[in-house]
Full PDB file with SEQRES, HELIX, SHEET, SSBOND, CRYST1, ORIGX, SCALE, CONECT and MASTER records, all heavy atoms in Angstrom:
SEQRES   1 A   30  ARG PHE THR ILE SER ARG ASP HIS ALA LYS ASN SER ALA          
SEQRES   2 A   30  TYR LEU GLN MET ASN SER LEU LYS PRO GLU ASP THR ALA          
SEQRES   3 A   30  VAL TYR TYR CYS                                              
HELIX    1 AA1 HIS A    8  LYS A   10  5                                   3    
HELIX    2 AA2 PRO A   22  ASP A   24  5                                   3    
SHEET    1 AA1 2 PHE A   2  ASP A   7  0                                        
SHEET    2 AA1 2 SER A  12  MET A  17 -1                                        
CRYST1    1.000    1.000    1.000  90.00  90.00  90.00 P 1           1          
ORIGX1      1.000000  0.000000  0.000000        0.00000                         
ORIGX2      0.000000  1.000000  0.000000        0.00000                         
ORIGX3      0.000000  0.000000  1.000000        0.00000                         
SCALE1      1.000000  0.000000  0.000000        0.00000                         
SCALE2      0.000000  1.000000  0.000000        0.00000                         
SCALE3      0.000000  0.000000  1.000000        0.00000                         
ATOM      1  N   ARG A   1     -35.990  23.318 -19.318  1.00  0.00           N  
ATOM      2  CA  ARG A   1     -36.593  22.225 -18.549  1.00  0.00           C  
ATOM      3  C   ARG A   1     -35.551  21.338 -17.873  1.00  0.00           C  
ATOM      4  O   ARG A   1     -35.805  20.808 -16.790  1.00  0.00           O  
ATOM      5  CB  ARG A   1     -37.473  21.361 -19.458  1.00  0.00           C  
ATOM      6  CG  ARG A   1     -38.584  22.107 -20.135  1.00  0.00           C  
ATOM      7  CD  ARG A   1     -39.532  21.165 -20.876  1.00  0.00           C  
ATOM      8  NE  ARG A   1     -38.869  20.451 -21.951  1.00  0.00           N  
ATOM      9  CZ  ARG A   1     -38.785  19.111 -22.033  1.00  0.00           C  
ATOM     10  NH1 ARG A   1     -39.301  18.360 -21.076  1.00  0.00           N  
ATOM     11  NH2 ARG A   1     -38.174  18.543 -23.060  1.00  0.00           N  
ATOM     12  N   PHE A   2     -34.410  21.173 -18.511  1.00  0.00           N  
ATOM     13  CA  PHE A   2     -33.343  20.304 -17.989  1.00  0.00           C  
ATOM     14  C   PHE A   2     -32.178  21.149 -17.488  1.00  0.00           C  
ATOM     15  O   PHE A   2     -31.875  22.206 -18.053  1.00  0.00           O  
ATOM     16  CB  PHE A   2     -32.832  19.363 -19.070  1.00  0.00           C  
ATOM     17  CG  PHE A   2     -33.786  18.281 -19.497  1.00  0.00           C  
ATOM     18  CD1 PHE A   2     -35.119  18.288 -19.117  1.00  0.00           C  
ATOM     19  CD2 PHE A   2     -33.340  17.233 -20.294  1.00  0.00           C  
ATOM     20  CE1 PHE A   2     -35.984  17.298 -19.515  1.00  0.00           C  
ATOM     21  CE2 PHE A   2     -34.194  16.228 -20.708  1.00  0.00           C  
ATOM     22  CZ  PHE A   2     -35.532  16.265 -20.321  1.00  0.00           C  
ATOM     23  N   THR A   3     -31.509  20.646 -16.459  1.00  0.00           N  
ATOM     24  CA  THR A   3     -30.320  21.314 -15.923  1.00  0.00           C  
ATOM     25  C   THR A   3     -29.234  20.278 -15.677  1.00  0.00           C  
ATOM     26  O   THR A   3     -29.460  19.299 -14.964  1.00  0.00           O  
ATOM     27  CB  THR A   3     -30.633  22.049 -14.611  1.00  0.00           C  
ATOM     28  OG1 THR A   3     -31.680  22.989 -14.823  1.00  0.00           O  
ATOM     29  CG2 THR A   3     -29.393  22.773 -14.108  1.00  0.00           C  
ATOM     30  N   ILE A   4     -28.073  20.513 -16.267  1.00  0.00           N  
ATOM     31  CA  ILE A   4     -26.934  19.619 -16.071  1.00  0.00           C  
ATOM     32  C   ILE A   4     -26.014  20.192 -15.006  1.00  0.00           C  
ATOM     33  O   ILE A   4     -25.855  21.412 -14.899  1.00  0.00           O  
ATOM     34  CB  ILE A   4     -26.172  19.407 -17.405  1.00  0.00           C  
ATOM     35  CG1 ILE A   4     -25.103  18.322 -17.250  1.00  0.00           C  
ATOM     36  CG2 ILE A   4     -25.576  20.716 -17.916  1.00  0.00           C  
ATOM     37  CD1 ILE A   4     -24.450  17.931 -18.573  1.00  0.00           C  
ATOM     38  N   SER A   5     -25.429  19.314 -14.210  1.00  0.00           N  
ATOM     39  CA  SER A   5     -24.474  19.751 -13.194  1.00  0.00           C  
ATOM     40  C   SER A   5     -23.475  18.623 -12.963  1.00  0.00           C  
ATOM     41  O   SER A   5     -23.649  17.514 -13.449  1.00  0.00           O  
ATOM     42  CB  SER A   5     -25.191  20.122 -11.887  1.00  0.00           C  
ATOM     43  OG  SER A   5     -25.889  18.997 -11.374  1.00  0.00           O  
ATOM     44  N   ARG A   6     -22.413  18.935 -12.233  1.00  0.00           N  
ATOM     45  CA  ARG A   6     -21.414  17.915 -11.934  1.00  0.00           C  
ATOM     46  C   ARG A   6     -20.804  18.174 -10.571  1.00  0.00           C  
ATOM     47  O   ARG A   6     -20.817  19.295 -10.080  1.00  0.00           O  
ATOM     48  CB  ARG A   6     -20.340  17.861 -13.023  1.00  0.00           C  
ATOM     49  CG  ARG A   6     -19.411  19.044 -13.063  1.00  0.00           C  
ATOM     50  CD  ARG A   6     -18.547  19.051 -14.319  1.00  0.00           C  
ATOM     51  NE  ARG A   6     -17.683  17.892 -14.417  1.00  0.00           N  
ATOM     52  CZ  ARG A   6     -16.890  17.645 -15.463  1.00  0.00           C  
ATOM     53  NH1 ARG A   6     -16.878  18.470 -16.486  1.00  0.00           N  
ATOM     54  NH2 ARG A   6     -16.131  16.578 -15.480  1.00  0.00           N  
ATOM     55  N   ASP A   7     -20.265  17.111 -10.001  1.00  0.00           N  
ATOM     56  CA  ASP A   7     -19.569  17.194  -8.717  1.00  0.00           C  
ATOM     57  C   ASP A   7     -18.220  16.515  -8.925  1.00  0.00           C  
ATOM     58  O   ASP A   7     -18.136  15.286  -8.967  1.00  0.00           O  
ATOM     59  CB  ASP A   7     -20.390  16.487  -7.632  1.00  0.00           C  
ATOM     60  CG  ASP A   7     -19.778  16.628  -6.248  1.00  0.00           C  
ATOM     61  OD1 ASP A   7     -18.539  16.796  -6.162  1.00  0.00           O  
ATOM     62  OD2 ASP A   7     -20.517  16.555  -5.268  1.00  0.00           O  
ATOM     63  N   HIS A   8     -17.172  17.323  -9.058  1.00  0.00           N  
ATOM     64  CA  HIS A   8     -15.853  16.766  -9.335  1.00  0.00           C  
ATOM     65  C   HIS A   8     -15.388  15.852  -8.204  1.00  0.00           C  
ATOM     66  O   HIS A   8     -14.751  14.825  -8.458  1.00  0.00           O  
ATOM     67  CB  HIS A   8     -14.842  17.901  -9.545  1.00  0.00           C  
ATOM     68  CG  HIS A   8     -15.038  18.636 -10.827  1.00  0.00           C  
ATOM     69  ND1 HIS A   8     -14.462  18.231 -12.015  1.00  0.00           N  
ATOM     70  CD2 HIS A   8     -15.747  19.742 -11.116  1.00  0.00           C  
ATOM     71  CE1 HIS A   8     -14.791  19.062 -12.968  1.00  0.00           C  
ATOM     72  NE2 HIS A   8     -15.579  19.999 -12.464  1.00  0.00           N  
ATOM     73  N   ALA A   9     -15.685  16.213  -6.976  1.00  0.00           N  
ATOM     74  CA  ALA A   9     -15.225  15.421  -5.836  1.00  0.00           C  
ATOM     75  C   ALA A   9     -15.822  14.017  -5.850  1.00  0.00           C  
ATOM     76  O   ALA A   9     -15.218  13.073  -5.346  1.00  0.00           O  
ATOM     77  CB  ALA A   9     -15.576  16.132  -4.534  1.00  0.00           C  
ATOM     78  N   LYS A  10     -16.998  13.885  -6.452  1.00  0.00           N  
ATOM     79  CA  LYS A  10     -17.670  12.584  -6.486  1.00  0.00           C  
ATOM     80  C   LYS A  10     -17.575  11.925  -7.857  1.00  0.00           C  
ATOM     81  O   LYS A  10     -18.215  10.893  -8.090  1.00  0.00           O  
ATOM     82  CB  LYS A  10     -19.134  12.750  -6.092  1.00  0.00           C  
ATOM     83  CG  LYS A  10     -19.337  13.217  -4.659  1.00  0.00           C  
ATOM     84  CD  LYS A  10     -20.821  13.333  -4.325  1.00  0.00           C  
ATOM     85  CE  LYS A  10     -21.012  13.777  -2.879  1.00  0.00           C  
ATOM     86  NZ  LYS A  10     -22.458  13.898  -2.527  1.00  0.00           N  
ATOM     87  N   ASN A  11     -16.821  12.535  -8.765  1.00  0.00           N  
ATOM     88  CA  ASN A  11     -16.751  11.997 -10.141  1.00  0.00           C  
ATOM     89  C   ASN A  11     -18.150  11.766 -10.704  1.00  0.00           C  
ATOM     90  O   ASN A  11     -18.411  10.753 -11.373  1.00  0.00           O  
ATOM     91  CB  ASN A  11     -15.965  10.681 -10.175  1.00  0.00           C  
ATOM     92  CG  ASN A  11     -14.473  10.912 -10.287  1.00  0.00           C  
ATOM     93  OD1 ASN A  11     -13.999  12.030 -10.164  1.00  0.00           O  
ATOM     94  ND2 ASN A  11     -13.736   9.849 -10.529  1.00  0.00           N  
ATOM     95  N   SER A  12     -19.031  12.695 -10.449  1.00  0.00           N  
ATOM     96  CA  SER A  12     -20.429  12.502 -10.809  1.00  0.00           C  
ATOM     97  C   SER A  12     -20.971  13.653 -11.641  1.00  0.00           C  
ATOM     98  O   SER A  12     -20.500  14.792 -11.560  1.00  0.00           O  
ATOM     99  CB  SER A  12     -21.276  12.363  -9.540  1.00  0.00           C  
ATOM    100  OG  SER A  12     -20.928  11.205  -8.822  1.00  0.00           O  
ATOM    101  N   ALA A  13     -21.965  13.320 -12.428  1.00  0.00           N  
ATOM    102  CA  ALA A  13     -22.708  14.309 -13.194  1.00  0.00           C  
ATOM    103  C   ALA A  13     -24.192  14.031 -12.995  1.00  0.00           C  
ATOM    104  O   ALA A  13     -24.590  12.891 -12.717  1.00  0.00           O  
ATOM    105  CB  ALA A  13     -22.342  14.251 -14.671  1.00  0.00           C  
ATOM    106  N   TYR A  14     -24.989  15.066 -13.158  1.00  0.00           N  
ATOM    107  CA  TYR A  14     -26.416  14.947 -12.889  1.00  0.00           C  
ATOM    108  C   TYR A  14     -27.214  15.628 -13.999  1.00  0.00           C  
ATOM    109  O   TYR A  14     -26.722  16.545 -14.660  1.00  0.00           O  
ATOM    110  CB  TYR A  14     -26.762  15.591 -11.543  1.00  0.00           C  
ATOM    111  CG  TYR A  14     -25.901  15.085 -10.418  1.00  0.00           C  
ATOM    112  CD1 TYR A  14     -24.751  15.780 -10.034  1.00  0.00           C  
ATOM    113  CD2 TYR A  14     -26.229  13.917  -9.737  1.00  0.00           C  
ATOM    114  CE1 TYR A  14     -23.951  15.307  -9.007  1.00  0.00           C  
ATOM    115  CE2 TYR A  14     -25.426  13.442  -8.713  1.00  0.00           C  
ATOM    116  CZ  TYR A  14     -24.288  14.138  -8.359  1.00  0.00           C  
ATOM    117  OH  TYR A  14     -23.491  13.671  -7.349  1.00  0.00           O  
ATOM    118  N   LEU A  15     -28.437  15.176 -14.149  1.00  0.00           N  
ATOM    119  CA  LEU A  15     -29.355  15.825 -15.086  1.00  0.00           C  
ATOM    120  C   LEU A  15     -30.706  15.948 -14.394  1.00  0.00           C  
ATOM    121  O   LEU A  15     -31.387  14.945 -14.182  1.00  0.00           O  
ATOM    122  CB  LEU A  15     -29.487  15.041 -16.384  1.00  0.00           C  
ATOM    123  CG  LEU A  15     -30.295  15.734 -17.478  1.00  0.00           C  
ATOM    124  CD1 LEU A  15     -29.546  16.975 -17.987  1.00  0.00           C  
ATOM    125  CD2 LEU A  15     -30.573  14.781 -18.645  1.00  0.00           C  
ATOM    126  N   GLN A  16     -31.038  17.169 -14.010  1.00  0.00           N  
ATOM    127  CA  GLN A  16     -32.348  17.440 -13.423  1.00  0.00           C  
ATOM    128  C   GLN A  16     -33.321  17.686 -14.570  1.00  0.00           C  
ATOM    129  O   GLN A  16     -33.101  18.594 -15.389  1.00  0.00           O  
ATOM    130  CB  GLN A  16     -32.280  18.660 -12.502  1.00  0.00           C  
ATOM    131  CG  GLN A  16     -33.613  19.045 -11.908  1.00  0.00           C  
ATOM    132  CD  GLN A  16     -34.159  18.014 -10.944  1.00  0.00           C  
ATOM    133  OE1 GLN A  16     -33.425  17.482 -10.116  1.00  0.00           O  
ATOM    134  NE2 GLN A  16     -35.450  17.729 -11.037  1.00  0.00           N  
ATOM    135  N   MET A  17     -34.376  16.902 -14.617  1.00  0.00           N  
ATOM    136  CA  MET A  17     -35.348  16.997 -15.710  1.00  0.00           C  
ATOM    137  C   MET A  17     -36.704  17.373 -15.134  1.00  0.00           C  
ATOM    138  O   MET A  17     -37.280  16.610 -14.340  1.00  0.00           O  
ATOM    139  CB  MET A  17     -35.427  15.666 -16.458  1.00  0.00           C  
ATOM    140  CG  MET A  17     -34.072  15.155 -16.951  1.00  0.00           C  
ATOM    141  SD  MET A  17     -34.207  13.687 -17.982  1.00  0.00           S  
ATOM    142  CE  MET A  17     -34.914  12.533 -16.816  1.00  0.00           C  
ATOM    143  N   ASN A  18     -37.187  18.512 -15.521  1.00  0.00           N  
ATOM    144  CA  ASN A  18     -38.493  18.995 -15.072  1.00  0.00           C  
ATOM    145  C   ASN A  18     -39.443  19.113 -16.257  1.00  0.00           C  
ATOM    146  O   ASN A  18     -39.017  19.127 -17.408  1.00  0.00           O  
ATOM    147  CB  ASN A  18     -38.345  20.357 -14.392  1.00  0.00           C  
ATOM    148  CG  ASN A  18     -37.459  20.312 -13.174  1.00  0.00           C  
ATOM    149  OD1 ASN A  18     -37.425  19.308 -12.443  1.00  0.00           O  
ATOM    150  ND2 ASN A  18     -36.731  21.392 -12.921  1.00  0.00           N  
ATOM    151  N   SER A  19     -40.714  19.229 -15.949  1.00  0.00           N  
ATOM    152  CA  SER A  19     -41.744  19.390 -16.989  1.00  0.00           C  
ATOM    153  C   SER A  19     -41.575  18.354 -18.089  1.00  0.00           C  
ATOM    154  O   SER A  19     -41.584  18.682 -19.281  1.00  0.00           O  
ATOM    155  CB  SER A  19     -41.681  20.806 -17.571  1.00  0.00           C  
ATOM    156  OG  SER A  19     -41.852  21.774 -16.564  1.00  0.00           O  
ATOM    157  N   LEU A  20     -41.427  17.134 -17.686  1.00  0.00           N  
ATOM    158  CA  LEU A  20     -41.158  16.071 -18.655  1.00  0.00           C  
ATOM    159  C   LEU A  20     -42.320  15.866 -19.606  1.00  0.00           C  
ATOM    160  O   LEU A  20     -43.499  16.008 -19.230  1.00  0.00           O  
ATOM    161  CB  LEU A  20     -40.829  14.773 -17.931  1.00  0.00           C  
ATOM    162  CG  LEU A  20     -39.394  14.727 -17.365  1.00  0.00           C  
ATOM    163  CD1 LEU A  20     -39.260  13.667 -16.293  1.00  0.00           C  
ATOM    164  CD2 LEU A  20     -38.403  14.497 -18.488  1.00  0.00           C  
ATOM    165  N   LYS A  21     -41.970  15.515 -20.840  1.00  0.00           N  
ATOM    166  CA  LYS A  21     -42.939  15.282 -21.900  1.00  0.00           C  
ATOM    167  C   LYS A  21     -42.800  13.855 -22.424  1.00  0.00           C  
ATOM    168  O   LYS A  21     -41.734  13.260 -22.311  1.00  0.00           O  
ATOM    169  CB  LYS A  21     -42.691  16.258 -23.048  1.00  0.00           C  
ATOM    170  CG  LYS A  21     -42.700  17.711 -22.655  1.00  0.00           C  
ATOM    171  CD  LYS A  21     -42.338  18.602 -23.836  1.00  0.00           C  
ATOM    172  CE  LYS A  21     -42.347  20.068 -23.453  1.00  0.00           C  
ATOM    173  NZ  LYS A  21     -42.000  20.951 -24.602  1.00  0.00           N  
ATOM    174  N   PRO A  22     -43.844  13.329 -23.017  1.00  0.00           N  
ATOM    175  CA  PRO A  22     -43.735  11.969 -23.577  1.00  0.00           C  
ATOM    176  C   PRO A  22     -42.571  11.827 -24.557  1.00  0.00           C  
ATOM    177  O   PRO A  22     -41.942  10.760 -24.609  1.00  0.00           O  
ATOM    178  CB  PRO A  22     -45.090  11.784 -24.270  1.00  0.00           C  
ATOM    179  CG  PRO A  22     -46.027  12.628 -23.469  1.00  0.00           C  
ATOM    180  CD  PRO A  22     -45.220  13.836 -23.088  1.00  0.00           C  
ATOM    181  N   GLU A  23     -42.253  12.876 -25.282  1.00  0.00           N  
ATOM    182  CA  GLU A  23     -41.156  12.796 -26.251  1.00  0.00           C  
ATOM    183  C   GLU A  23     -39.776  12.769 -25.587  1.00  0.00           C  
ATOM    184  O   GLU A  23     -38.770  12.607 -26.273  1.00  0.00           O  
ATOM    185  CB  GLU A  23     -41.224  13.953 -27.254  1.00  0.00           C  
ATOM    186  CG  GLU A  23     -41.368  15.323 -26.634  1.00  0.00           C  
ATOM    187  CD  GLU A  23     -42.817  15.798 -26.583  1.00  0.00           C  
ATOM    188  OE1 GLU A  23     -43.697  14.976 -26.221  1.00  0.00           O  
ATOM    189  OE2 GLU A  23     -43.042  16.990 -26.879  1.00  0.00           O  
ATOM    190  N   ASP A  24     -39.724  12.927 -24.268  1.00  0.00           N  
ATOM    191  CA  ASP A  24     -38.466  12.763 -23.545  1.00  0.00           C  
ATOM    192  C   ASP A  24     -38.173  11.293 -23.243  1.00  0.00           C  
ATOM    193  O   ASP A  24     -37.095  10.957 -22.749  1.00  0.00           O  
ATOM    194  CB  ASP A  24     -38.498  13.542 -22.232  1.00  0.00           C  
ATOM    195  CG  ASP A  24     -38.578  15.034 -22.437  1.00  0.00           C  
ATOM    196  OD1 ASP A  24     -37.882  15.555 -23.330  1.00  0.00           O  
ATOM    197  OD2 ASP A  24     -39.333  15.693 -21.693  1.00  0.00           O  
ATOM    198  N   THR A  25     -39.119  10.420 -23.534  1.00  0.00           N  
ATOM    199  CA  THR A  25     -38.925   9.000 -23.296  1.00  0.00           C  
ATOM    200  C   THR A  25     -37.748   8.482 -24.113  1.00  0.00           C  
ATOM    201  O   THR A  25     -37.709   8.652 -25.332  1.00  0.00           O  
ATOM    202  CB  THR A  25     -40.198   8.221 -23.658  1.00  0.00           C  
ATOM    203  OG1 THR A  25     -41.257   8.622 -22.775  1.00  0.00           O  
ATOM    204  CG2 THR A  25     -39.980   6.726 -23.538  1.00  0.00           C  
ATOM    205  N   ALA A  26     -36.797   7.869 -23.433  1.00  0.00           N  
ATOM    206  CA  ALA A  26     -35.578   7.388 -24.086  1.00  0.00           C  
ATOM    207  C   ALA A  26     -34.701   6.709 -23.040  1.00  0.00           C  
ATOM    208  O   ALA A  26     -34.983   6.780 -21.840  1.00  0.00           O  
ATOM    209  CB  ALA A  26     -34.812   8.542 -24.723  1.00  0.00           C  
ATOM    210  N   VAL A  27     -33.642   6.081 -23.502  1.00  0.00           N  
ATOM    211  CA  VAL A  27     -32.572   5.632 -22.612  1.00  0.00           C  
ATOM    212  C   VAL A  27     -31.553   6.761 -22.546  1.00  0.00           C  
ATOM    213  O   VAL A  27     -31.093   7.253 -23.586  1.00  0.00           O  
ATOM    214  CB  VAL A  27     -31.919   4.337 -23.099  1.00  0.00           C  
ATOM    215  CG1 VAL A  27     -30.790   3.931 -22.151  1.00  0.00           C  
ATOM    216  CG2 VAL A  27     -32.956   3.222 -23.211  1.00  0.00           C  
ATOM    217  N   TYR A  28     -31.210   7.164 -21.347  1.00  0.00           N  
ATOM    218  CA  TYR A  28     -30.299   8.282 -21.144  1.00  0.00           C  
ATOM    219  C   TYR A  28     -28.926   7.759 -20.720  1.00  0.00           C  
ATOM    220  O   TYR A  28     -28.814   6.870 -19.867  1.00  0.00           O  
ATOM    221  CB  TYR A  28     -30.842   9.228 -20.074  1.00  0.00           C  
ATOM    222  CG  TYR A  28     -31.972  10.087 -20.583  1.00  0.00           C  
ATOM    223  CD1 TYR A  28     -33.225   9.539 -20.844  1.00  0.00           C  
ATOM    224  CD2 TYR A  28     -31.797  11.443 -20.821  1.00  0.00           C  
ATOM    225  CE1 TYR A  28     -34.266  10.323 -21.334  1.00  0.00           C  
ATOM    226  CE2 TYR A  28     -32.820  12.236 -21.307  1.00  0.00           C  
ATOM    227  CZ  TYR A  28     -34.050  11.670 -21.567  1.00  0.00           C  
ATOM    228  OH  TYR A  28     -35.068  12.444 -22.061  1.00  0.00           O  
ATOM    229  N   TYR A  29     -27.902   8.343 -21.331  1.00  0.00           N  
ATOM    230  CA  TYR A  29     -26.524   7.963 -21.085  1.00  0.00           C  
ATOM    231  C   TYR A  29     -25.694   9.187 -20.723  1.00  0.00           C  
ATOM    232  O   TYR A  29     -25.957  10.291 -21.203  1.00  0.00           O  
ATOM    233  CB  TYR A  29     -25.896   7.354 -22.335  1.00  0.00           C  
ATOM    234  CG  TYR A  29     -26.603   6.154 -22.909  1.00  0.00           C  
ATOM    235  CD1 TYR A  29     -27.652   6.314 -23.816  1.00  0.00           C  
ATOM    236  CD2 TYR A  29     -26.188   4.863 -22.586  1.00  0.00           C  
ATOM    237  CE1 TYR A  29     -28.289   5.218 -24.360  1.00  0.00           C  
ATOM    238  CE2 TYR A  29     -26.824   3.760 -23.138  1.00  0.00           C  
ATOM    239  CZ  TYR A  29     -27.862   3.938 -24.017  1.00  0.00           C  
ATOM    240  OH  TYR A  29     -28.491   2.844 -24.561  1.00  0.00           O  
ATOM    241  N   CYS A  30     -24.675   8.970 -19.931  1.00  0.00           N  
ATOM    242  CA  CYS A  30     -23.677  10.015 -19.748  1.00  0.00           C  
ATOM    243  C   CYS A  30     -22.377   9.537 -20.381  1.00  0.00           C  
ATOM    244  O   CYS A  30     -22.131   8.342 -20.546  1.00  0.00           O  
ATOM    245  CB  CYS A  30     -23.472  10.367 -18.282  1.00  0.00           C  
ATOM    246  SG  CYS A  30     -22.647   9.098 -17.310  1.00  0.00           S  
TER     247      CYS A  30                                                      
MASTER        0    0    0    2    2    0    0    6  246    1    0    3          
END                                                                             
């Protein structure tokens, strides 16, 4: 359901979250 990726040129990371469920409710940190 989730896919992590990063872009070194932008010093960035991403988390694509699909098919979200109520139990995914939280504060997300990198």
